[in-house]
C-alpha cells in the first residue's frame, strides 16, 4: 500500500504548504495516480529493459517505485522512499516539480513534491516526474541519466516519451554519455 502523506506530515519533513484536509486529500489522489501511472508504464517497459539500463539498477528501481523501499548498493543498506509536499517558499521549487533529498542517517530518501507537481491538468508531468525522480533515488544526481532513462522507459512502453528537449539542452546532455530514444 502506498505510504500516506499523513505519515510524512507526522514526521515533520520540511515546511509544508498550509492546506485544508480536502486539498491534502486531492494532492494525495494526484500523487497516487502519478505513482500508479509510473508503475504501469515501468511494468510495460520492464521486460525489455536491460538489467542495468543506462546505469540504473532495475531491481532497485522497481522496488523503490513499487514498494517505496529498496536496497541501495551505493549506501549498502535498505532505504525507504518517502514523499513530502514542499511549499512555494522552498527555493528549489522555483525550478522543479520535485527533487530528491537523501536522509541516509534516517534510512530514507525523500522525494520532495513542489507546487508545480500538483498543477491542474499535469497528469503526464506528474507521472514523468515520478519516473525521473526515482532514477535520482536509486542512481544519483545525474540529470541526463534521469532524463534518458525516463525517456527510454516511456518510449518502450508507448512508442513516445515526454518532450524534454529544452531541459536536455539546458543540462548540456548532448555532451553526456546518455541519449534520448530515436
C-alpha atoms as a PDB file:
ATOM      1  CA  UNK A   1       0.000   0.000   0.000  1.00  0.00           C
ATOM      2  CA  UNK A   2       1.227   3.486  -0.795  1.00  0.00           C
ATOM      3  CA  UNK A   3       2.703   5.463   2.036  1.00  0.00           C
ATOM      4  CA  UNK A   4       0.359   8.155   3.104  1.00  0.00           C
ATOM      5  CA  UNK A   5       1.415  11.763   3.063  1.00  0.00           C
ATOM      6  CA  UNK A   6      -0.032  11.863   6.555  1.00  0.00           C
ATOM      7  CA  UNK A   7       2.978   9.797   7.689  1.00  0.00           C
ATOM      8  CA  UNK A   8       5.294  12.371   6.168  1.00  0.00           C
ATOM      9  CA  UNK A   9       3.308  15.174   7.775  1.00  0.00           C
ATOM     10  CA  UNK A  10       3.610  13.445  11.135  1.00  0.00           C
ATOM     11  CA  UNK A  11       7.365  13.123  10.705  1.00  0.00           C
ATOM     12  CA  UNK A  12       7.578  16.853  10.060  1.00  0.00           C
ATOM     13  CA  UNK A  13       9.782  16.638   6.985  1.00  0.00           C
ATOM     14  CA  UNK A  14      10.216  20.249   5.992  1.00  0.00           C
ATOM     15  CA  UNK A  15       7.933  23.193   5.566  1.00  0.00           C
ATOM     16  CA  UNK A  16       4.593  22.098   4.201  1.00  0.00           C
ATOM     17  CA  UNK A  17       2.150  24.358   2.457  1.00  0.00           C
ATOM     18  CA  UNK A  18      -0.860  25.149   4.540  1.00  0.00           C
ATOM     19  CA  UNK A  19      -3.645  23.071   3.097  1.00  0.00           C
ATOM     20  CA  UNK A  20      -7.076  22.009   4.137  1.00  0.00           C
ATOM     21  CA  UNK A  21      -7.885  18.352   4.638  1.00  0.00           C
ATOM     22  CA  UNK A  22      -9.730  18.461   1.308  1.00  0.00           C
ATOM     23  CA  UNK A  23      -6.695  19.907  -0.504  1.00  0.00           C
ATOM     24  CA  UNK A  24      -4.413  17.339   1.139  1.00  0.00           C
ATOM     25  CA  UNK A  25      -6.750  14.547   0.041  1.00  0.00           C
ATOM     26  CA  UNK A  26      -6.731  15.918  -3.519  1.00  0.00           C
ATOM     27  CA  UNK A  27      -2.919  16.077  -3.518  1.00  0.00           C
ATOM     28  CA  UNK A  28      -2.761  12.509  -2.208  1.00  0.00           C
ATOM     29  CA  UNK A  29      -5.051  11.368  -5.049  1.00  0.00           C
ATOM     30  CA  UNK A  30      -2.835  13.157  -7.593  1.00  0.00           C
ATOM     31  CA  UNK A  31       0.261  11.511  -6.122  1.00  0.00           C
ATOM     32  CA  UNK A  32      -1.431   8.098  -6.087  1.00  0.00           C
ATOM     33  CA  UNK A  33      -2.456   8.481  -9.758  1.00  0.00           C
ATOM     34  CA  UNK A  34       1.081   9.532 -10.687  1.00  0.00           C
ATOM     35  CA  UNK A  35       2.596   6.592  -8.814  1.00  0.00           C
ATOM     36  CA  UNK A  36       0.115   4.141 -10.325  1.00  0.00           C
ATOM     37  CA  UNK A  37       0.741   5.539 -13.814  1.00  0.00           C
ATOM     38  CA  UNK A  38       4.505   5.383 -13.340  1.00  0.00           C
ATOM     39  CA  UNK A  39       4.299   1.782 -12.114  1.00  0.00           C
ATOM     40  CA  UNK A  40       2.108   0.847 -15.094  1.00  0.00           C
ATOM     41  CA  UNK A  41       4.475   2.498 -17.590  1.00  0.00           C
ATOM     42  CA  UNK A  42       7.525   0.925 -15.949  1.00  0.00           C
ATOM     43  CA  UNK A  43       5.928  -2.541 -15.909  1.00  0.00           C
ATOM     44  CA  UNK A  44       5.169  -2.259 -19.638  1.00  0.00           C
ATOM     45  CA  UNK A  45       8.833  -1.491 -20.311  1.00  0.00           C
ATOM     46  CA  UNK A  46      10.416  -3.763 -17.716  1.00  0.00           C
ATOM     47  CA  UNK A  47      10.680  -6.891 -19.863  1.00  0.00           C
ATOM     48  CA  UNK A  48      12.682  -5.009 -22.479  1.00  0.00           C
ATOM     49  CA  UNK A  49      14.959  -3.053 -20.146  1.00  0.00           C
ATOM     50  CA  UNK A  50      18.405  -4.490 -19.598  1.00  0.00           C
ATOM     51  CA  UNK A  51      19.464  -5.468 -16.062  1.00  0.00           C
ATOM     52  CA  UNK A  52      21.288  -2.155 -15.633  1.00  0.00           C
ATOM     53  CA  UNK A  53      19.741   0.100 -18.253  1.00  0.00           C
ATOM     54  CA  UNK A  54      21.568   3.403 -18.571  1.00  0.00           C
ATOM     55  CA  UNK A  55      23.377   2.704 -15.299  1.00  0.00           C
ATOM     56  CA  UNK A  56      20.188   2.233 -13.274  1.00  0.00           C
ATOM     57  CA  UNK A  57      19.839  -0.899 -11.136  1.00  0.00           C
ATOM     58  CA  UNK A  58      16.482  -2.164 -12.454  1.00  0.00           C
ATOM     59  CA  UNK A  59      15.552  -4.360  -9.446  1.00  0.00           C
ATOM     60  CA  UNK A  60      16.348  -1.497  -7.035  1.00  0.00           C
ATOM     61  CA  UNK A  61      14.402   0.966  -9.223  1.00  0.00           C
ATOM     62  CA  UNK A  62      11.442  -1.415  -9.360  1.00  0.00           C
ATOM     63  CA  UNK A  63      11.437  -1.823  -5.575  1.00  0.00           C
ATOM     64  CA  UNK A  64      11.779   1.915  -4.965  1.00  0.00           C
ATOM     65  CA  UNK A  65       8.906   2.658  -7.344  1.00  0.00           C
ATOM     66  CA  UNK A  66       6.553  -0.143  -6.282  1.00  0.00           C
ATOM     67  CA  UNK A  67       7.412  -0.853  -2.640  1.00  0.00           C
ATOM     68  CA  UNK A  68       8.901   2.513  -1.659  1.00  0.00           C
ATOM     69  CA  UNK A  69      11.800   0.572  -0.169  1.00  0.00           C
ATOM     70  CA  UNK A  70      14.938  -0.677  -1.925  1.00  0.00           C
ATOM     71  CA  UNK A  71      18.440  -1.938  -1.328  1.00  0.00           C
ATOM     72  CA  UNK A  72      20.987   0.740  -2.181  1.00  0.00           C
ATOM     73  CA  UNK A  73      24.316  -0.651  -3.332  1.00  0.00           C
ATOM     74  CA  UNK A  74      25.663   2.891  -3.059  1.00  0.00           C
ATOM     75  CA  UNK A  75      24.854   3.092   0.672  1.00  0.00           C
ATOM     76  CA  UNK A  76      24.930  -0.692   1.283  1.00  0.00           C
ATOM     77  CA  UNK A  77      21.600  -0.655   3.099  1.00  0.00           C
ATOM     78  CA  UNK A  78      17.830  -0.818   2.707  1.00  0.00           C
ATOM     79  CA  UNK A  79      16.276   2.621   2.332  1.00  0.00           C
ATOM     80  CA  UNK A  80      12.685   3.831   2.463  1.00  0.00           C
ATOM     81  CA  UNK A  81      11.305   6.221  -0.133  1.00  0.00           C
ATOM     82  CA  UNK A  82       9.141   8.944   1.421  1.00  0.00           C
ATOM     83  CA  UNK A  83       7.157  11.719  -0.246  1.00  0.00           C
ATOM     84  CA  UNK A  84       6.763  15.208   1.229  1.00  0.00           C
ATOM     85  CA  UNK A  85       4.954  18.269  -0.055  1.00  0.00           C
ATOM     86  CA  UNK A  86       7.051  21.419  -0.125  1.00  0.00           C
ATOM     87  CA  UNK A  87       5.875  24.998  -0.122  1.00  0.00           C
ATOM     88  CA  UNK A  88       6.310  27.605  -2.821  1.00  0.00           C
ATOM     89  CA  UNK A  89       8.808  29.295  -0.483  1.00  0.00           C
ATOM     90  CA  UNK A  90      11.228  26.397  -0.981  1.00  0.00           C
ATOM     91  CA  UNK A  91      13.780  27.918  -3.377  1.00  0.00           C
ATOM     92  CA  UNK A  92      14.336  24.595  -5.150  1.00  0.00           C
ATOM     93  CA  UNK A  93      10.657  24.584  -6.052  1.00  0.00           C
ATOM     94  CA  UNK A  94      11.170  27.660  -8.228  1.00  0.00           C
ATOM     95  CA  UNK A  95      12.867  25.432 -10.829  1.00  0.00           C
ATOM     96  CA  UNK A  96      11.491  21.944 -10.233  1.00  0.00           C
ATOM     97  CA  UNK A  97       8.276  19.967  -9.869  1.00  0.00           C
ATOM     98  CA  UNK A  98      10.129  17.692  -7.424  1.00  0.00           C
ATOM     99  CA  UNK A  99      13.580  16.926  -6.113  1.00  0.00           C
ATOM    100  CA  UNK A 100      15.281  14.254  -4.012  1.00  0.00           C
ATOM    101  CA  UNK A 101      16.840  14.715  -0.568  1.00  0.00           C
ATOM    102  CA  UNK A 102      18.745  11.738   0.838  1.00  0.00           C
ATOM    103  CA  UNK A 103      18.320  11.222   4.574  1.00  0.00           C
ATOM    104  CA  UNK A 104      20.639   8.239   4.852  1.00  0.00           C
ATOM    105  CA  UNK A 105      21.092   8.604   8.626  1.00  0.00           C
ATOM    106  CA  UNK A 106      17.325   8.122   8.895  1.00  0.00           C
ATOM    107  CA  UNK A 107      17.345   5.214   6.440  1.00  0.00           C
ATOM    108  CA  UNK A 108      15.380   7.089   3.804  1.00  0.00           C
ATOM    109  CA  UNK A 109      15.443   9.025   0.583  1.00  0.00           C
ATOM    110  CA  UNK A 110      12.828  11.776   0.451  1.00  0.00           C
ATOM    111  CA  UNK A 111      11.106  12.858  -2.747  1.00  0.00           C
ATOM    112  CA  UNK A 112      10.071  16.465  -2.228  1.00  0.00           C
ATOM    113  CA  UNK A 113       6.998  17.442  -4.232  1.00  0.00           C
ATOM    114  CA  UNK A 114       6.730  21.096  -5.219  1.00  0.00           C
ATOM    115  CA  UNK A 115       3.594  23.095  -6.091  1.00  0.00           C
ATOM    116  CA  UNK A 116       4.281  22.586  -9.839  1.00  0.00           C
ATOM    117  CA  UNK A 117       3.844  18.836  -9.298  1.00  0.00           C
ATOM    118  CA  UNK A 118       0.219  19.477  -8.331  1.00  0.00           C
ATOM    119  CA  UNK A 119      -0.617  21.841 -11.217  1.00  0.00           C
ATOM    120  CA  UNK A 120      -4.037  21.284 -12.763  1.00  0.00           C
ATOM    121  CA  UNK A 121      -4.003  19.205 -15.941  1.00  0.00           C
ATOM    122  CA  UNK A 122      -0.442  17.990 -15.405  1.00  0.00           C
ATOM    123  CA  UNK A 123      -1.018  14.226 -15.095  1.00  0.00           C
ATOM    124  CA  UNK A 124       1.654  13.424 -17.709  1.00  0.00           C
ATOM    125  CA  UNK A 125       4.140  15.722 -15.935  1.00  0.00           C
ATOM    126  CA  UNK A 126       3.423  14.033 -12.603  1.00  0.00           C
ATOM    127  CA  UNK A 127       3.964  10.521 -13.993  1.00  0.00           C
ATOM    128  CA  UNK A 128       7.137  11.594 -15.809  1.00  0.00           C
ATOM    129  CA  UNK A 129       8.363  13.340 -12.663  1.00  0.00           C
ATOM    130  CA  UNK A 130       7.918  10.183 -10.577  1.00  0.00           C
ATOM    131  CA  UNK A 131       9.780   8.070 -13.156  1.00  0.00           C
ATOM    132  CA  UNK A 132      12.547  10.696 -13.313  1.00  0.00           C
ATOM    133  CA  UNK A 133      12.938  11.256  -9.564  1.00  0.00           C
ATOM    134  CA  UNK A 134      13.124   7.508  -8.899  1.00  0.00           C
ATOM    135  CA  UNK A 135      16.296   7.460 -11.009  1.00  0.00           C
ATOM    136  CA  UNK A 136      17.759  10.029  -8.605  1.00  0.00           C
ATOM    137  CA  UNK A 137      16.548   7.965  -5.644  1.00  0.00           C
ATOM    138  CA  UNK A 138      18.360   4.857  -6.899  1.00  0.00           C
ATOM    139  CA  UNK A 139      21.219   6.054  -9.112  1.00  0.00           C
ATOM    140  CA  UNK A 140      22.240   9.558  -8.040  1.00  0.00           C
ATOM    141  CA  UNK A 141      22.139  13.139  -9.228  1.00  0.00           C
ATOM    142  CA  UNK A 142      22.880  12.963 -12.969  1.00  0.00           C
ATOM    143  CA  UNK A 143      20.047  14.836 -14.711  1.00  0.00           C
ATOM    144  CA  UNK A 144      20.977  13.495 -18.143  1.00  0.00           C
ATOM    145  CA  UNK A 145      20.875   9.921 -16.869  1.00  0.00           C
ATOM    146  CA  UNK A 146      17.472  10.507 -15.252  1.00  0.00           C
ATOM    147  CA  UNK A 147      16.038  12.059 -18.427  1.00  0.00           C
ATOM    148  CA  UNK A 148      17.477   9.355 -20.687  1.00  0.00           C
ATOM    149  CA  UNK A 149      16.212   6.508 -18.501  1.00  0.00           C
ATOM    150  CA  UNK A 150      12.750   8.050 -18.129  1.00  0.00           C
ATOM    151  CA  UNK A 151      12.503   8.659 -21.879  1.00  0.00           C
ATOM    152  CA  UNK A 152      13.635   5.093 -22.594  1.00  0.00           C
ATOM    153  CA  UNK A 153      11.017   3.630 -20.229  1.00  0.00           C
ATOM    154  CA  UNK A 154       8.268   5.770 -21.769  1.00  0.00           C
ATOM    155  CA  UNK A 155       9.408   5.009 -25.322  1.00  0.00           C
ATOM    156  CA  UNK A 156       9.490   1.249 -24.746  1.00  0.00           C
ATOM    157  CA  UNK A 157       6.073   1.370 -23.068  1.00  0.00           C
ATOM    158  CA  UNK A 158       4.266   3.589 -25.576  1.00  0.00           C
ATOM    159  CA  UNK A 159       6.472   4.410 -28.573  1.00  0.00           C
ATOM    160  CA  UNK A 160       6.850   8.024 -27.417  1.00  0.00           C
ATOM    161  CA  UNK A 161       8.233   9.998 -24.496  1.00  0.00           C
ATOM    162  CA  UNK A 162       7.586  13.296 -22.751  1.00  0.00           C
ATOM    163  CA  UNK A 163       9.243  16.174 -24.608  1.00  0.00           C
ATOM    164  CA  UNK A 164      12.403  17.159 -22.746  1.00  0.00           C
ATOM    165  CA  UNK A 165      14.449  18.873 -25.477  1.00  0.00           C
ATOM    166  CA  UNK A 166      14.668  22.221 -23.651  1.00  0.00           C
ATOM    167  CA  UNK A 167      15.700  20.604 -20.370  1.00  0.00           C
ATOM    168  CA  UNK A 168      18.064  18.241 -22.239  1.00  0.00           C
ATOM    169  CA  UNK A 169      19.780  21.198 -23.946  1.00  0.00           C
ATOM    170  CA  UNK A 170      19.848  23.292 -20.771  1.00  0.00           C
ATOM    171  CA  UNK A 171      21.744  20.496 -18.981  1.00  0.00           C
ATOM    172  CA  UNK A 172      24.108  20.001 -21.963  1.00  0.00           C
ATOM    173  CA  UNK A 173      23.132  16.352 -22.166  1.00  0.00           C
ATOM    174  CA  UNK A 174      24.228  16.057 -25.803  1.00  0.00           C
ATOM    175  CA  UNK A 175      27.767  16.077 -24.373  1.00  0.00           C
ATOM    176  CA  UNK A 176      26.955  13.330 -21.857  1.00  0.00           C
ATOM    177  CA  UNK A 177      27.213   9.560 -22.188  1.00  0.00           C
ATOM    178  CA  UNK A 178      23.413   9.376 -22.447  1.00  0.00           C
ATOM    179  CA  UNK A 179      20.978   9.815 -25.312  1.00  0.00           C
ATOM    180  CA  UNK A 180      17.253  10.007 -25.895  1.00  0.00           C
ATOM    181  CA  UNK A 181      15.389   7.298 -27.840  1.00  0.00           C
ATOM    182  CA  UNK A 182      15.086   7.740 -31.622  1.00  0.00           C
END
